[in-house]
N, C-alpha and C. Protein backbone atom coordinates (compact mmCIF):
# COMPACT_ATOMS: atom_id res chain seq x y z
N MET A 1 140.80 -100.68 -64.59
CA MET A 1 139.79 -101.66 -64.96
C MET A 1 138.45 -100.95 -65.18
N PRO A 2 137.76 -101.25 -66.31
CA PRO A 2 136.48 -100.60 -66.56
C PRO A 2 135.42 -101.03 -65.55
N ASN A 3 134.47 -100.17 -65.32
CA ASN A 3 133.38 -100.46 -64.42
C ASN A 3 132.60 -101.67 -64.96
N ARG A 4 132.36 -102.66 -64.11
CA ARG A 4 131.61 -103.85 -64.53
C ARG A 4 130.24 -103.47 -65.07
N PHE A 5 129.55 -102.62 -64.34
CA PHE A 5 128.21 -102.18 -64.72
C PHE A 5 128.23 -100.66 -64.75
N PRO A 6 128.30 -100.08 -65.95
CA PRO A 6 128.45 -98.63 -66.06
C PRO A 6 127.25 -97.86 -65.51
N LEU A 7 126.14 -98.55 -65.29
CA LEU A 7 125.00 -97.92 -64.67
C LEU A 7 124.27 -98.94 -63.81
N ASP A 8 123.40 -98.47 -62.97
CA ASP A 8 122.70 -99.32 -62.02
C ASP A 8 121.61 -100.11 -62.73
N VAL A 9 121.79 -101.42 -62.86
CA VAL A 9 120.80 -102.31 -63.44
C VAL A 9 120.61 -103.46 -62.45
N PRO A 10 119.74 -103.27 -61.46
CA PRO A 10 119.58 -104.26 -60.38
C PRO A 10 119.22 -105.65 -60.90
N GLY A 11 119.80 -106.66 -60.25
CA GLY A 11 119.48 -108.04 -60.55
C GLY A 11 120.27 -108.67 -61.67
N LEU A 12 121.15 -107.93 -62.31
CA LEU A 12 121.87 -108.49 -63.45
C LEU A 12 123.29 -108.92 -63.11
N GLU A 13 123.66 -108.74 -61.85
CA GLU A 13 125.02 -109.09 -61.45
C GLU A 13 125.34 -110.56 -61.71
N ASP A 14 124.33 -111.44 -61.59
CA ASP A 14 124.53 -112.87 -61.80
C ASP A 14 124.43 -113.26 -63.27
N GLU A 15 123.89 -112.39 -64.10
CA GLU A 15 123.68 -112.72 -65.51
C GLU A 15 124.88 -112.40 -66.39
N PHE A 16 125.52 -111.29 -66.12
CA PHE A 16 126.62 -110.83 -66.99
C PHE A 16 127.84 -110.47 -66.16
N GLU A 17 129.01 -110.80 -66.69
CA GLU A 17 130.25 -110.42 -66.02
C GLU A 17 130.39 -108.89 -66.01
N ARG A 18 130.00 -108.29 -67.14
CA ARG A 18 129.99 -106.83 -67.22
C ARG A 18 129.11 -106.41 -68.39
N ILE A 19 128.81 -105.13 -68.43
CA ILE A 19 128.06 -104.55 -69.54
C ILE A 19 128.98 -103.55 -70.23
N GLU A 20 129.07 -103.69 -71.54
CA GLU A 20 129.91 -102.79 -72.34
C GLU A 20 129.00 -101.98 -73.26
N ILE A 21 129.17 -100.68 -73.26
CA ILE A 21 128.36 -99.81 -74.10
C ILE A 21 129.24 -99.28 -75.23
N ARG A 22 128.76 -99.47 -76.45
CA ARG A 22 129.49 -98.99 -77.62
C ARG A 22 128.66 -97.94 -78.32
N ARG A 23 129.19 -96.71 -78.38
CA ARG A 23 128.53 -95.62 -79.10
C ARG A 23 129.08 -95.59 -80.52
N SER A 24 128.18 -95.37 -81.49
CA SER A 24 128.60 -95.36 -82.88
C SER A 24 128.03 -94.15 -83.61
N ALA A 25 128.87 -93.44 -84.32
CA ALA A 25 128.44 -92.30 -85.13
C ALA A 25 127.65 -92.78 -86.35
N ARG A 26 127.94 -93.98 -86.82
CA ARG A 26 127.24 -94.53 -87.99
C ARG A 26 125.84 -95.00 -87.64
N ARG A 27 125.64 -95.41 -86.41
CA ARG A 27 124.33 -95.89 -85.97
C ARG A 27 123.43 -94.68 -85.75
N LYS A 28 122.30 -94.61 -86.45
CA LYS A 28 121.44 -93.42 -86.38
C LYS A 28 120.24 -93.60 -85.44
N LYS A 29 119.55 -94.74 -85.53
CA LYS A 29 118.32 -94.90 -84.76
C LYS A 29 118.28 -96.18 -83.93
N THR A 30 118.91 -97.22 -84.41
CA THR A 30 118.73 -98.52 -83.78
C THR A 30 119.64 -98.75 -82.60
N VAL A 31 119.15 -99.56 -81.69
CA VAL A 31 119.91 -100.01 -80.53
C VAL A 31 119.93 -101.53 -80.62
N SER A 32 121.07 -102.13 -80.37
CA SER A 32 121.14 -103.59 -80.40
C SER A 32 121.95 -104.08 -79.21
N ALA A 33 121.76 -105.35 -78.92
CA ALA A 33 122.51 -105.97 -77.82
C ALA A 33 122.87 -107.38 -78.22
N GLU A 34 124.01 -107.82 -77.75
CA GLU A 34 124.43 -109.20 -77.96
C GLU A 34 125.24 -109.65 -76.75
N ILE A 35 125.24 -110.94 -76.54
CA ILE A 35 126.01 -111.50 -75.45
C ILE A 35 127.26 -112.12 -76.06
N VAL A 36 128.40 -111.64 -75.62
CA VAL A 36 129.69 -112.15 -76.09
C VAL A 36 130.37 -112.76 -74.87
N GLY A 37 130.37 -114.09 -74.82
CA GLY A 37 130.85 -114.76 -73.61
C GLY A 37 129.90 -114.44 -72.48
N ASP A 38 130.42 -113.84 -71.42
CA ASP A 38 129.59 -113.42 -70.29
C ASP A 38 129.41 -111.91 -70.25
N VAL A 39 129.72 -111.24 -71.37
CA VAL A 39 129.64 -109.79 -71.44
C VAL A 39 128.44 -109.39 -72.29
N LEU A 40 127.65 -108.45 -71.80
CA LEU A 40 126.56 -107.89 -72.58
C LEU A 40 127.11 -106.66 -73.30
N VAL A 41 127.02 -106.66 -74.63
CA VAL A 41 127.49 -105.54 -75.43
C VAL A 41 126.25 -104.83 -76.00
N VAL A 42 126.07 -103.58 -75.62
CA VAL A 42 124.94 -102.78 -76.09
C VAL A 42 125.49 -101.70 -77.02
N SER A 43 124.99 -101.70 -78.26
CA SER A 43 125.42 -100.71 -79.26
C SER A 43 124.32 -99.68 -79.43
N ILE A 44 124.71 -98.40 -79.29
CA ILE A 44 123.73 -97.31 -79.34
C ILE A 44 124.24 -96.19 -80.25
N PRO A 45 123.32 -95.35 -80.75
CA PRO A 45 123.76 -94.19 -81.53
C PRO A 45 124.55 -93.23 -80.65
N GLU A 46 125.55 -92.61 -81.21
CA GLU A 46 126.41 -91.68 -80.48
C GLU A 46 125.64 -90.48 -79.92
N ARG A 47 124.60 -90.05 -80.62
CA ARG A 47 123.87 -88.85 -80.25
C ARG A 47 122.96 -89.00 -79.02
N LEU A 48 122.76 -90.21 -78.52
CA LEU A 48 121.86 -90.40 -77.37
C LEU A 48 122.40 -89.71 -76.12
N SER A 49 121.50 -89.15 -75.35
CA SER A 49 121.89 -88.53 -74.07
C SER A 49 122.21 -89.64 -73.06
N ARG A 50 122.81 -89.26 -71.94
CA ARG A 50 123.12 -90.24 -70.89
C ARG A 50 121.83 -90.86 -70.35
N ALA A 51 120.78 -90.06 -70.23
CA ALA A 51 119.49 -90.58 -69.73
C ALA A 51 118.92 -91.61 -70.71
N GLU A 52 118.98 -91.31 -72.02
CA GLU A 52 118.50 -92.26 -73.03
C GLU A 52 119.37 -93.50 -73.04
N GLU A 53 120.67 -93.31 -72.89
CA GLU A 53 121.59 -94.45 -72.81
C GLU A 53 121.19 -95.36 -71.65
N HIS A 54 120.97 -94.77 -70.49
CA HIS A 54 120.60 -95.54 -69.30
C HIS A 54 119.31 -96.33 -69.56
N GLU A 55 118.32 -95.65 -70.16
CA GLU A 55 117.03 -96.29 -70.44
C GLU A 55 117.21 -97.47 -71.39
N TRP A 56 117.97 -97.27 -72.46
CA TRP A 56 118.17 -98.34 -73.44
C TRP A 56 119.00 -99.49 -72.89
N VAL A 57 120.04 -99.18 -72.15
CA VAL A 57 120.87 -100.25 -71.59
C VAL A 57 120.05 -101.08 -70.60
N THR A 58 119.26 -100.41 -69.78
CA THR A 58 118.41 -101.13 -68.82
C THR A 58 117.42 -102.04 -69.55
N THR A 59 116.79 -101.50 -70.59
CA THR A 59 115.82 -102.29 -71.38
C THR A 59 116.49 -103.48 -72.04
N MET A 60 117.59 -103.26 -72.70
CA MET A 60 118.27 -104.33 -73.42
C MET A 60 118.86 -105.37 -72.47
N ALA A 61 119.36 -104.92 -71.33
CA ALA A 61 119.91 -105.86 -70.35
C ALA A 61 118.80 -106.76 -69.81
N ALA A 62 117.65 -106.20 -69.51
CA ALA A 62 116.53 -107.00 -69.02
C ALA A 62 116.08 -108.00 -70.08
N ARG A 63 116.01 -107.54 -71.32
CA ARG A 63 115.60 -108.40 -72.43
C ARG A 63 116.57 -109.57 -72.62
N MET A 64 117.85 -109.26 -72.60
CA MET A 64 118.86 -110.31 -72.82
C MET A 64 118.95 -111.26 -71.62
N ALA A 65 118.75 -110.74 -70.42
CA ALA A 65 118.74 -111.61 -69.24
C ALA A 65 117.57 -112.58 -69.32
N GLN A 66 116.42 -112.09 -69.79
CA GLN A 66 115.25 -112.94 -69.96
C GLN A 66 115.52 -114.01 -71.02
N ARG A 67 116.19 -113.64 -72.08
CA ARG A 67 116.54 -114.61 -73.13
C ARG A 67 117.46 -115.69 -72.58
N LYS A 68 118.47 -115.27 -71.78
CA LYS A 68 119.37 -116.25 -71.17
C LYS A 68 118.61 -117.22 -70.27
N LYS A 69 117.68 -116.68 -69.50
CA LYS A 69 116.88 -117.53 -68.59
C LYS A 69 116.06 -118.52 -69.39
N LYS A 70 115.40 -118.05 -70.45
CA LYS A 70 114.59 -118.93 -71.30
C LYS A 70 115.46 -120.03 -71.90
N ASP A 71 116.60 -119.66 -72.44
CA ASP A 71 117.50 -120.65 -73.05
C ASP A 71 117.96 -121.67 -72.03
N ARG A 72 118.31 -121.20 -70.84
CA ARG A 72 118.76 -122.09 -69.76
C ARG A 72 117.64 -123.07 -69.37
N LEU A 73 116.44 -122.55 -69.18
CA LEU A 73 115.32 -123.40 -68.77
C LEU A 73 114.93 -124.40 -69.85
N ASN A 74 114.91 -123.95 -71.11
CA ASN A 74 114.52 -124.85 -72.20
C ASN A 74 115.57 -125.93 -72.44
N ALA A 75 116.83 -125.62 -72.19
CA ALA A 75 117.90 -126.58 -72.43
C ALA A 75 117.93 -127.68 -71.37
N SER A 76 117.35 -127.42 -70.21
CA SER A 76 117.45 -128.37 -69.10
C SER A 76 116.65 -129.65 -69.34
N GLY A 77 115.61 -129.59 -70.17
CA GLY A 77 114.77 -130.77 -70.41
C GLY A 77 113.74 -131.01 -69.32
N GLU A 78 113.79 -130.20 -68.28
CA GLU A 78 112.86 -130.37 -67.15
C GLU A 78 111.41 -130.17 -67.57
N LEU A 79 111.16 -129.19 -68.42
CA LEU A 79 109.79 -128.89 -68.85
C LEU A 79 109.20 -130.07 -69.63
N GLN A 80 109.98 -130.65 -70.52
CA GLN A 80 109.50 -131.78 -71.30
C GLN A 80 109.18 -132.97 -70.39
N GLY A 81 110.04 -133.20 -69.41
CA GLY A 81 109.80 -134.29 -68.47
C GLY A 81 108.54 -134.06 -67.65
N LYS A 82 108.34 -132.83 -67.19
CA LYS A 82 107.14 -132.49 -66.42
C LYS A 82 105.89 -132.67 -67.27
N ALA A 83 105.94 -132.25 -68.54
CA ALA A 83 104.79 -132.38 -69.44
C ALA A 83 104.45 -133.86 -69.66
N ARG A 84 105.47 -134.70 -69.84
CA ARG A 84 105.22 -136.14 -70.02
C ARG A 84 104.57 -136.73 -68.78
N GLU A 85 105.10 -136.37 -67.61
CA GLU A 85 104.56 -136.87 -66.35
C GLU A 85 103.09 -136.46 -66.17
N LEU A 86 102.78 -135.19 -66.42
CA LEU A 86 101.41 -134.71 -66.26
C LEU A 86 100.47 -135.32 -67.31
N ALA A 87 100.97 -135.47 -68.53
CA ALA A 87 100.16 -136.09 -69.59
C ALA A 87 99.79 -137.52 -69.23
N ASP A 88 100.76 -138.27 -68.72
CA ASP A 88 100.50 -139.66 -68.34
C ASP A 88 99.50 -139.74 -67.18
N ARG A 89 99.60 -138.81 -66.27
CA ARG A 89 98.75 -138.84 -65.08
C ARG A 89 97.34 -138.30 -65.33
N TYR A 90 97.22 -137.23 -66.15
CA TYR A 90 95.92 -136.55 -66.25
C TYR A 90 95.34 -136.40 -67.65
N VAL A 91 96.15 -136.55 -68.69
CA VAL A 91 95.68 -136.21 -70.04
C VAL A 91 95.86 -137.38 -71.02
N ASP A 92 95.56 -138.57 -70.55
CA ASP A 92 95.55 -139.76 -71.40
C ASP A 92 96.85 -139.99 -72.17
N GLY A 93 97.97 -139.53 -71.62
CA GLY A 93 99.28 -139.78 -72.23
C GLY A 93 99.56 -139.01 -73.50
N VAL A 94 98.75 -138.00 -73.80
CA VAL A 94 98.97 -137.20 -75.01
C VAL A 94 100.34 -136.53 -74.93
N SER A 95 100.99 -136.34 -76.07
CA SER A 95 102.30 -135.70 -76.00
C SER A 95 102.38 -134.53 -76.98
N ALA A 96 103.08 -133.52 -76.54
CA ALA A 96 103.35 -132.36 -77.39
C ALA A 96 104.61 -132.64 -78.20
N ALA A 97 104.63 -132.17 -79.43
CA ALA A 97 105.83 -132.30 -80.25
C ALA A 97 106.94 -131.42 -79.67
N ASP A 98 106.53 -130.27 -79.11
CA ASP A 98 107.49 -129.34 -78.52
C ASP A 98 106.78 -128.53 -77.45
N ILE A 99 107.47 -128.30 -76.35
CA ILE A 99 106.96 -127.43 -75.29
C ILE A 99 108.12 -126.57 -74.82
N ALA A 100 107.89 -125.27 -74.72
CA ALA A 100 109.00 -124.37 -74.40
C ALA A 100 108.51 -123.13 -73.66
N TRP A 101 109.43 -122.57 -72.87
CA TRP A 101 109.20 -121.28 -72.22
C TRP A 101 109.49 -120.19 -73.24
N VAL A 102 108.65 -119.15 -73.26
CA VAL A 102 108.88 -118.01 -74.16
C VAL A 102 108.68 -116.70 -73.40
N PRO A 103 109.53 -115.72 -73.67
CA PRO A 103 109.38 -114.42 -73.00
C PRO A 103 108.35 -113.52 -73.66
N THR A 104 107.88 -113.89 -74.84
CA THR A 104 106.99 -113.03 -75.61
C THR A 104 105.52 -113.22 -75.28
N GLN A 105 105.19 -114.20 -74.48
CA GLN A 105 103.80 -114.49 -74.13
C GLN A 105 103.36 -113.47 -73.08
N LYS A 106 102.67 -112.41 -73.50
CA LYS A 106 102.33 -111.33 -72.58
C LYS A 106 100.85 -111.30 -72.20
N SER A 107 99.98 -111.79 -73.07
CA SER A 107 98.55 -111.70 -72.78
C SER A 107 97.94 -113.03 -72.36
N ARG A 108 98.75 -114.08 -72.34
CA ARG A 108 98.26 -115.41 -71.90
C ARG A 108 99.38 -116.12 -71.15
N TRP A 109 98.96 -117.07 -70.33
CA TRP A 109 99.95 -117.87 -69.60
C TRP A 109 100.53 -118.97 -70.48
N GLY A 110 99.73 -119.42 -71.45
CA GLY A 110 100.20 -120.47 -72.33
C GLY A 110 99.42 -120.45 -73.63
N SER A 111 99.95 -121.16 -74.60
CA SER A 111 99.23 -121.31 -75.87
C SER A 111 99.57 -122.68 -76.45
N CYS A 112 98.63 -123.16 -77.25
CA CYS A 112 98.79 -124.48 -77.85
C CYS A 112 98.40 -124.39 -79.31
N SER A 113 99.18 -125.02 -80.16
CA SER A 113 98.85 -125.13 -81.58
C SER A 113 98.61 -126.61 -81.87
N PRO A 114 97.35 -127.05 -81.83
CA PRO A 114 97.06 -128.47 -82.04
C PRO A 114 97.56 -129.02 -83.37
N ASP A 115 97.59 -128.17 -84.41
CA ASP A 115 98.02 -128.65 -85.73
C ASP A 115 99.46 -129.17 -85.72
N ASP A 116 100.37 -128.41 -85.09
CA ASP A 116 101.76 -128.88 -85.05
C ASP A 116 102.15 -129.38 -83.65
N ARG A 117 101.17 -129.42 -82.74
CA ARG A 117 101.33 -130.01 -81.40
C ARG A 117 102.39 -129.30 -80.56
N THR A 118 102.47 -127.97 -80.71
CA THR A 118 103.43 -127.20 -79.92
C THR A 118 102.72 -126.44 -78.80
N ILE A 119 103.42 -126.32 -77.69
CA ILE A 119 102.92 -125.59 -76.53
C ILE A 119 103.96 -124.56 -76.15
N ARG A 120 103.51 -123.34 -75.90
CA ARG A 120 104.38 -122.26 -75.44
C ARG A 120 103.85 -121.75 -74.11
N LEU A 121 104.75 -121.56 -73.16
CA LEU A 121 104.39 -121.11 -71.82
C LEU A 121 105.10 -119.81 -71.50
N SER A 122 104.38 -118.90 -70.86
CA SER A 122 104.95 -117.61 -70.47
C SER A 122 106.07 -117.83 -69.46
N LEU A 123 107.19 -117.21 -69.71
CA LEU A 123 108.34 -117.29 -68.81
C LEU A 123 107.98 -116.77 -67.41
N GLU A 124 106.99 -115.89 -67.35
CA GLU A 124 106.56 -115.34 -66.07
C GLU A 124 106.05 -116.43 -65.12
N LEU A 125 105.54 -117.53 -65.67
CA LEU A 125 105.04 -118.63 -64.84
C LEU A 125 106.13 -119.23 -63.95
N THR A 126 107.38 -119.08 -64.34
CA THR A 126 108.46 -119.66 -63.55
C THR A 126 108.56 -119.02 -62.17
N MET A 127 107.92 -117.87 -62.00
CA MET A 127 107.94 -117.19 -60.70
C MET A 127 106.80 -117.64 -59.80
N TYR A 128 105.92 -118.50 -60.30
CA TYR A 128 104.74 -118.93 -59.56
C TYR A 128 104.95 -120.35 -59.02
N PRO A 129 104.09 -120.75 -58.07
CA PRO A 129 104.23 -122.10 -57.49
C PRO A 129 104.10 -123.20 -58.55
N MET A 130 104.73 -124.33 -58.26
CA MET A 130 104.74 -125.46 -59.18
C MET A 130 103.32 -125.90 -59.55
N TRP A 131 102.40 -125.92 -58.59
CA TRP A 131 101.04 -126.38 -58.88
C TRP A 131 100.32 -125.46 -59.88
N VAL A 132 100.70 -124.20 -59.94
CA VAL A 132 100.13 -123.29 -60.94
C VAL A 132 100.72 -123.61 -62.31
N ARG A 133 102.03 -123.81 -62.37
CA ARG A 133 102.67 -124.18 -63.64
C ARG A 133 102.10 -125.50 -64.16
N GLU A 134 101.92 -126.47 -63.25
CA GLU A 134 101.38 -127.76 -63.66
C GLU A 134 99.97 -127.61 -64.24
N TYR A 135 99.15 -126.79 -63.61
CA TYR A 135 97.80 -126.56 -64.13
C TYR A 135 97.86 -126.01 -65.56
N VAL A 136 98.71 -125.02 -65.81
CA VAL A 136 98.79 -124.43 -67.15
C VAL A 136 99.26 -125.49 -68.15
N ILE A 137 100.21 -126.32 -67.76
CA ILE A 137 100.67 -127.39 -68.67
C ILE A 137 99.53 -128.35 -68.97
N VAL A 138 98.79 -128.79 -67.94
CA VAL A 138 97.65 -129.69 -68.15
C VAL A 138 96.62 -129.01 -69.06
N HIS A 139 96.34 -127.74 -68.81
CA HIS A 139 95.38 -126.98 -69.63
C HIS A 139 95.80 -127.02 -71.11
N GLU A 140 97.07 -126.73 -71.37
CA GLU A 140 97.54 -126.70 -72.77
C GLU A 140 97.59 -128.10 -73.37
N LEU A 141 98.00 -129.11 -72.59
CA LEU A 141 97.99 -130.49 -73.10
C LEU A 141 96.57 -130.92 -73.46
N ALA A 142 95.59 -130.51 -72.66
CA ALA A 142 94.19 -130.87 -72.94
C ALA A 142 93.75 -130.31 -74.29
N HIS A 143 94.30 -129.16 -74.68
CA HIS A 143 93.96 -128.58 -75.99
C HIS A 143 94.45 -129.46 -77.15
N LEU A 144 95.42 -130.32 -76.90
CA LEU A 144 95.85 -131.24 -77.95
C LEU A 144 94.76 -132.27 -78.25
N LEU A 145 93.90 -132.53 -77.27
CA LEU A 145 92.78 -133.46 -77.45
C LEU A 145 91.49 -132.74 -77.82
N VAL A 146 91.26 -131.59 -77.19
CA VAL A 146 90.03 -130.82 -77.41
C VAL A 146 90.46 -129.36 -77.61
N PRO A 147 90.37 -128.83 -78.83
CA PRO A 147 90.92 -127.50 -79.10
C PRO A 147 90.13 -126.31 -78.53
N ASP A 148 88.92 -126.55 -78.05
CA ASP A 148 88.10 -125.45 -77.52
C ASP A 148 87.99 -125.55 -75.99
N HIS A 149 87.16 -124.70 -75.41
CA HIS A 149 86.92 -124.73 -73.96
C HIS A 149 85.54 -125.32 -73.65
N SER A 150 85.22 -126.40 -74.33
CA SER A 150 83.93 -127.07 -74.14
C SER A 150 83.92 -127.86 -72.83
N ASP A 151 82.77 -128.44 -72.52
CA ASP A 151 82.65 -129.28 -71.32
C ASP A 151 83.63 -130.46 -71.39
N ALA A 152 83.82 -131.01 -72.59
CA ALA A 152 84.76 -132.13 -72.75
C ALA A 152 86.18 -131.70 -72.39
N PHE A 153 86.56 -130.49 -72.79
CA PHE A 153 87.87 -129.95 -72.46
C PHE A 153 88.02 -129.83 -70.94
N TRP A 154 87.04 -129.17 -70.29
CA TRP A 154 87.14 -128.95 -68.84
C TRP A 154 87.08 -130.27 -68.06
N ALA A 155 86.42 -131.29 -68.60
CA ALA A 155 86.41 -132.60 -67.94
C ALA A 155 87.83 -133.16 -67.86
N ILE A 156 88.62 -132.94 -68.90
CA ILE A 156 90.02 -133.39 -68.89
C ILE A 156 90.84 -132.54 -67.92
N VAL A 157 90.75 -131.21 -68.06
CA VAL A 157 91.55 -130.30 -67.21
C VAL A 157 91.24 -130.52 -65.74
N ASN A 158 89.97 -130.75 -65.41
CA ASN A 158 89.57 -130.91 -64.01
C ASN A 158 90.07 -132.20 -63.37
N ARG A 159 90.70 -133.07 -64.15
CA ARG A 159 91.37 -134.24 -63.56
C ARG A 159 92.54 -133.81 -62.69
N TYR A 160 93.14 -132.67 -63.04
CA TYR A 160 94.23 -132.13 -62.23
C TYR A 160 93.60 -131.62 -60.92
N PRO A 161 94.01 -132.15 -59.78
CA PRO A 161 93.31 -131.86 -58.52
C PRO A 161 93.36 -130.40 -58.05
N LEU A 162 94.32 -129.62 -58.52
CA LEU A 162 94.43 -128.23 -58.06
C LEU A 162 93.97 -127.23 -59.11
N THR A 163 93.15 -127.69 -60.04
CA THR A 163 92.68 -126.81 -61.12
C THR A 163 91.99 -125.57 -60.58
N GLU A 164 91.02 -125.76 -59.72
CA GLU A 164 90.25 -124.60 -59.24
C GLU A 164 91.14 -123.62 -58.47
N ARG A 165 92.02 -124.16 -57.64
CA ARG A 165 92.94 -123.31 -56.88
C ARG A 165 93.87 -122.53 -57.81
N ALA A 166 94.41 -123.22 -58.82
CA ALA A 166 95.33 -122.57 -59.77
C ALA A 166 94.60 -121.51 -60.59
N ARG A 167 93.38 -121.81 -61.01
CA ARG A 167 92.61 -120.81 -61.77
C ARG A 167 92.37 -119.58 -60.92
N GLY A 168 92.05 -119.77 -59.65
CA GLY A 168 91.85 -118.64 -58.74
C GLY A 168 93.12 -117.81 -58.61
N PHE A 169 94.26 -118.49 -58.49
CA PHE A 169 95.55 -117.80 -58.40
C PHE A 169 95.78 -116.95 -59.65
N LEU A 170 95.54 -117.53 -60.83
CA LEU A 170 95.78 -116.81 -62.08
C LEU A 170 94.76 -115.69 -62.30
N ILE A 171 93.54 -115.89 -61.86
CA ILE A 171 92.54 -114.82 -61.95
C ILE A 171 93.01 -113.64 -61.10
N ALA A 172 93.55 -113.94 -59.91
CA ALA A 172 94.06 -112.87 -59.05
C ALA A 172 95.23 -112.14 -59.69
N LYS A 173 95.99 -112.84 -60.55
CA LYS A 173 97.10 -112.21 -61.27
C LYS A 173 96.61 -111.46 -62.50
N GLY A 174 95.33 -111.65 -62.86
CA GLY A 174 94.74 -110.84 -63.91
C GLY A 174 94.79 -111.41 -65.31
N MET A 175 95.14 -112.69 -65.47
CA MET A 175 95.20 -113.24 -66.84
C MET A 175 94.61 -114.64 -66.92
N GLU A 176 93.43 -114.85 -66.38
CA GLU A 176 92.76 -116.13 -66.56
C GLU A 176 91.31 -115.83 -66.88
N GLU A 177 90.85 -116.35 -67.99
CA GLU A 177 89.46 -116.11 -68.36
C GLU A 177 88.56 -116.81 -67.36
N GLY A 178 87.38 -116.34 -67.18
CA GLY A 178 86.48 -116.88 -66.20
C GLY A 178 85.61 -118.01 -66.70
N ASP A 179 85.85 -118.52 -67.94
CA ASP A 179 84.93 -119.56 -68.45
C ASP A 179 85.14 -120.89 -67.82
C-alpha cells in the first residue's frame, strides 16, 4: 500500500485521504494540484529535487486545503444567514447580493463592492472570535449604505456594541486602519 502522505504535511490528515505525487518529463516549469475524490494529486516536473518536491507539495496541499475549507464554509449558508441577522439588527436591513469567504484576501479583513453589492471576507477571520467576524460583516454591510469612512459610516458601524473591542483586536493583529 502506498504511503498516505509521502512527506510530512502537518494538519492535512483530515483534508485528504492521501497525497499522490506525479512526476512528468513533459512538464518543464509548472506545478499543479487537483483534488480527485479525497486524494490530492500534485503534478510536478521530473527534474525537481526531493527538497523542491517537498516545498511544492507542502505549498499546494496548504492551498488546496484552504480552497476546500472556503468551499465548505460558503456552501453551508451560515455566512449569508449571519449577514442577514446583523443587517436587520444594526444596518437598517441592507442586504448584500453575495457574501463569501475568500482565501485571497491578504491585506484586508474584508472588502465591499457597493456597485454589485458583493462582500468578500478573509478566510483568516474564521480563526477569530465570532464578535470579531460580526464586526467585520457589519463594517462591510455599512459600506453598502455609505461607501467611505465618513462620520455617517462610523455612526452605522458603531451600532454594533463590540465595535471598539473588535477594532482593537484587529489592530493588534496588524490589519485594521486607525481611522
